C-alpha atoms as a PDB file:
ATOM      1  CA  VAL A   1     -14.204   2.539  16.106  1.00  0.00           C
ATOM      2  CA  ASP A   2     -14.117  -0.836  14.368  1.00  0.00           C
ATOM      3  CA  GLY A   3     -10.919  -1.035  12.319  1.00  0.00           C
ATOM      4  CA  TRP A   4      -9.535   1.676  10.070  1.00  0.00           C
ATOM      5  CA  PRO A   5     -11.831   4.325   8.569  1.00  0.00           C
ATOM      6  CA  ASP A   6     -12.122   4.664   4.798  1.00  0.00           C
ATOM      7  CA  GLU A   7     -10.435   8.070   5.060  1.00  0.00           C
ATOM      8  CA  LEU A   8      -8.713   9.904   7.874  1.00  0.00           C
ATOM      9  CA  PRO A   9     -10.151  13.256   8.926  1.00  0.00           C
ATOM     10  CA  PRO A  10      -8.224  16.108   7.219  1.00  0.00           C
ATOM     11  CA  ASP A  11      -6.861  17.462  10.487  1.00  0.00           C
ATOM     12  CA  ILE A  12      -5.854  14.099  11.989  1.00  0.00           C
ATOM     13  CA  GLU A  13      -2.085  14.675  11.844  1.00  0.00           C
ATOM     14  CA  SER A  14      -2.216  18.216  13.178  1.00  0.00           C
ATOM     15  CA  SER A  15      -4.545  17.160  16.000  1.00  0.00           C
ATOM     16  CA  HIS A  16      -2.227  14.442  17.308  1.00  0.00           C
ATOM     17  CA  GLU A  17       0.284  15.594  19.851  1.00  0.00           C
ATOM     18  CA  PHE A  18       2.991  13.480  21.390  1.00  0.00           C
ATOM     19  CA  ASN A  19       1.177  13.769  24.715  1.00  0.00           C
ATOM     20  CA  CYS A  20      -2.203  12.369  23.572  1.00  0.00           C
ATOM     21  CA  SER A  21      -3.737   9.679  25.788  1.00  0.00           C
ATOM     22  CA  PHE A  22      -4.229   6.036  24.876  1.00  0.00           C
ATOM     23  CA  ASP A  23      -6.898   3.507  25.825  1.00  0.00           C
ATOM     24  CA  TRP A  24      -5.072   0.222  26.456  1.00  0.00           C
ATOM     25  CA  SER A  25      -8.244  -1.704  27.437  1.00  0.00           C
ATOM     26  CA  HIS A  26      -8.976  -2.619  23.800  1.00  0.00           C
ATOM     27  CA  ALA A  27      -7.125  -4.904  21.404  1.00  0.00           C
ATOM     28  CA  PRO A  28      -5.642  -3.158  19.537  1.00  0.00           C
ATOM     29  CA  PRO A  29      -5.380  -0.166  21.874  1.00  0.00           C
ATOM     30  CA  LEU A  30      -7.188   2.994  20.788  1.00  0.00           C
ATOM     31  CA  CYS A  31      -6.052   6.592  20.551  1.00  0.00           C
ATOM     32  CA  GLY A  32      -7.739   8.468  23.370  1.00  0.00           C
ATOM     33  CA  GLN A  33      -8.098  11.544  21.164  1.00  0.00           C
ATOM     34  CA  CYS A  34      -9.632  10.191  17.949  1.00  0.00           C
ATOM     35  CA  GLY A  35     -10.550   6.587  18.800  1.00  0.00           C
ATOM     36  CA  LEU A  36      -8.542   5.059  15.937  1.00  0.00           C
ATOM     37  CA  PRO A  37      -6.723   1.789  16.590  1.00  0.00           C
ATOM     38  CA  LEU A  38      -3.058   2.077  17.528  1.00  0.00           C
ATOM     39  CA  ARG A  39      -1.521  -0.301  15.053  1.00  0.00           C
ATOM     40  CA  PRO A  40       0.669   0.042  12.004  1.00  0.00           C
ATOM     41  CA  CYS A  41      -1.092   0.514   8.682  1.00  0.00           C
ATOM     42  CA  VAL A  42       0.448  -2.672   7.265  1.00  0.00           C
ATOM     43  CA  LEU A  43      -0.798  -6.213   6.909  1.00  0.00           C
ATOM     44  CA  MET A  44       0.497  -8.614   9.506  1.00  0.00           C
ATOM     45  CA  PHE A  45       0.327 -12.386   9.745  1.00  0.00           C
ATOM     46  CA  ALA A  46      -3.178 -13.666   8.893  1.00  0.00           C
ATOM     47  CA  ASP A  47      -4.524 -10.095   9.058  1.00  0.00           C
ATOM     48  CA  GLU A  48      -8.222  -9.947   8.196  1.00  0.00           C
ATOM     49  CA  ASP A  49      -9.151  -6.421   9.317  1.00  0.00           C
ATOM     50  CA  ALA A  50     -11.643  -5.564   6.550  1.00  0.00           C
ATOM     51  CA  ALA A  51     -11.349  -1.817   7.069  1.00  0.00           C
ATOM     52  CA  LEU A  52      -7.529  -1.962   6.909  1.00  0.00           C
ATOM     53  CA  LEU A  53      -7.705  -4.125   3.795  1.00  0.00           C
ATOM     54  CA  ARG A  54      -9.969  -1.505   2.152  1.00  0.00           C
ATOM     55  CA  LEU A  55      -7.551   1.271   3.113  1.00  0.00           C
ATOM     56  CA  LEU A  56      -4.558  -0.605   1.678  1.00  0.00           C
ATOM     57  CA  ARG A  57      -6.402  -1.721  -1.480  1.00  0.00           C
ATOM     58  CA  LYS A  58      -6.565   1.796  -3.006  1.00  0.00           C
ATOM     59  CA  PRO A  59      -2.787   2.240  -3.484  1.00  0.00           C
ATOM     60  CA  ALA A  60      -2.569  -1.293  -4.889  1.00  0.00           C
ATOM     61  CA  ASP A  61      -5.417  -0.566  -7.322  1.00  0.00           C
ATOM     62  CA  ASP A  62      -3.791   2.750  -8.326  1.00  0.00           C
ATOM     63  CA  TYR A  63      -0.493   0.962  -9.023  1.00  0.00           C
ATOM     64  CA  GLN A  64      -2.229  -1.739 -11.080  1.00  0.00           C
ATOM     65  CA  ARG A  65      -4.027   0.903 -13.187  1.00  0.00           C
ATOM     66  CA  TRP A  66      -0.678   2.674 -13.814  1.00  0.00           C
ATOM     67  CA  GLU A  67       1.021  -0.610 -14.756  1.00  0.00           C
ATOM     68  CA  ASP A  68      -1.816  -1.593 -17.114  1.00  0.00           C
ATOM     69  CA  ALA A  69      -1.720   1.849 -18.811  1.00  0.00           C
ATOM     70  CA  MET A  70       2.073   1.735 -19.189  1.00  0.00           C
ATOM     71  CA  GLU A  71       1.915  -1.740 -20.731  1.00  0.00           C
ATOM     72  CA  ALA A  72      -0.926  -0.655 -23.042  1.00  0.00           C
ATOM     73  CA  ASP A  73       1.167   2.329 -24.222  1.00  0.00           C
ATOM     74  CA  ILE A  74       4.078   0.013 -25.017  1.00  0.00           C
ATOM     75  CA  ALA A  75       1.792  -2.409 -26.867  1.00  0.00           C
ATOM     76  CA  ALA A  76       0.217   0.456 -28.867  1.00  0.00           C
ATOM     77  CA  ALA A  77       3.640   1.810 -29.827  1.00  0.00           C
ATOM     78  CA  GLY A  78       4.905  -1.640 -30.764  1.00  0.00           C
ATOM     79  CA  SER A  79       8.080  -1.053 -28.793  1.00  0.00           C
ATOM     80  CA  GLY A  80       9.362   0.569 -25.646  1.00  0.00           C
ATOM     81  CA  ARG A  81      11.788   0.230 -22.824  1.00  0.00           C
ATOM     82  CA  VAL A  82      11.262   0.047 -19.113  1.00  0.00           C
ATOM     83  CA  VAL A  83      13.899   0.587 -16.466  1.00  0.00           C
ATOM     84  CA  ILE A  84      13.142  -0.754 -13.005  1.00  0.00           C
ATOM     85  CA  LEU A  85      15.359   0.381 -10.158  1.00  0.00           C
ATOM     86  CA  GLU A  86      15.046  -1.730  -7.047  1.00  0.00           C
ATOM     87  CA  ILE A  87      16.751   0.407  -4.419  1.00  0.00           C
ATOM     88  CA  GLY A  88      17.041  -0.297  -0.728  1.00  0.00           C
ATOM     89  CA  VAL A  89      14.874  -3.391  -0.551  1.00  0.00           C
ATOM     90  CA  GLY A  90      17.571  -6.007  -0.123  1.00  0.00           C
ATOM     91  CA  ARG A  91      17.526  -9.656  -1.072  1.00  0.00           C
ATOM     92  CA  ARG A  92      15.250 -10.838   1.725  1.00  0.00           C
ATOM     93  CA  ILE A  93      12.135  -9.043   0.410  1.00  0.00           C
ATOM     94  CA  GLN A  94      11.398 -11.276  -2.555  1.00  0.00           C
ATOM     95  CA  VAL A  95       7.961  -9.868  -3.359  1.00  0.00           C
ATOM     96  CA  VAL A  96       9.496  -6.660  -4.767  1.00  0.00           C
ATOM     97  CA  ARG A  97      11.886  -8.574  -7.023  1.00  0.00           C
ATOM     98  CA  GLU A  98       9.075 -10.910  -8.113  1.00  0.00           C
ATOM     99  CA  GLU A  99       6.865  -7.935  -9.054  1.00  0.00           C
ATOM    100  CA  CYS A 100       9.709  -6.339 -11.019  1.00  0.00           C
ATOM    101  CA  GLU A 101      10.328  -9.608 -12.880  1.00  0.00           C
ATOM    102  CA  ALA A 102       6.598  -9.960 -13.638  1.00  0.00           C
ATOM    103  CA  VAL A 103       6.455  -6.406 -15.023  1.00  0.00           C
ATOM    104  CA  THR A 104       9.528  -7.115 -17.164  1.00  0.00           C
ATOM    105  CA  ARG A 105       7.882 -10.274 -18.567  1.00  0.00           C
ATOM    106  CA  ASP A 106       4.602  -8.419 -19.218  1.00  0.00           C
ATOM    107  CA  VAL A 107       6.394  -5.576 -21.018  1.00  0.00           C
ATOM    108  CA  ALA A 108       8.444  -8.020 -23.137  1.00  0.00           C
ATOM    109  CA  ALA A 109       5.276  -9.904 -24.085  1.00  0.00           C
ATOM    110  CA  LYS A 110       3.696  -6.658 -25.278  1.00  0.00           C
ATOM    111  CA  GLY A 111       6.576  -5.674 -27.549  1.00  0.00           C
ATOM    112  CA  GLY A 112       8.878  -3.890 -25.135  1.00  0.00           C
END
């Protein structure tokens, strides 16, 4: 298996037991049961795994479509309010705060 699949098989979670075997001869190591790489489904430093990037792109695209639709609704109405609750992220994760500030600016520019 080269990288992450586009979709996981429907029974992947139920088929994985705590006692499944691992193949440590690959980098990253592979699950001995399904052959998927044993690595977190997050981007790491200079990560260029094309299959992982495809897998992570869908939620980002879904969020962007939601944000665009919400901003379009506010612009069409000529007014609106948005409340953004940033809970549990902390001050060290600046990307979340930066996204919230960008959304606030976008909404204000569209009449909100």
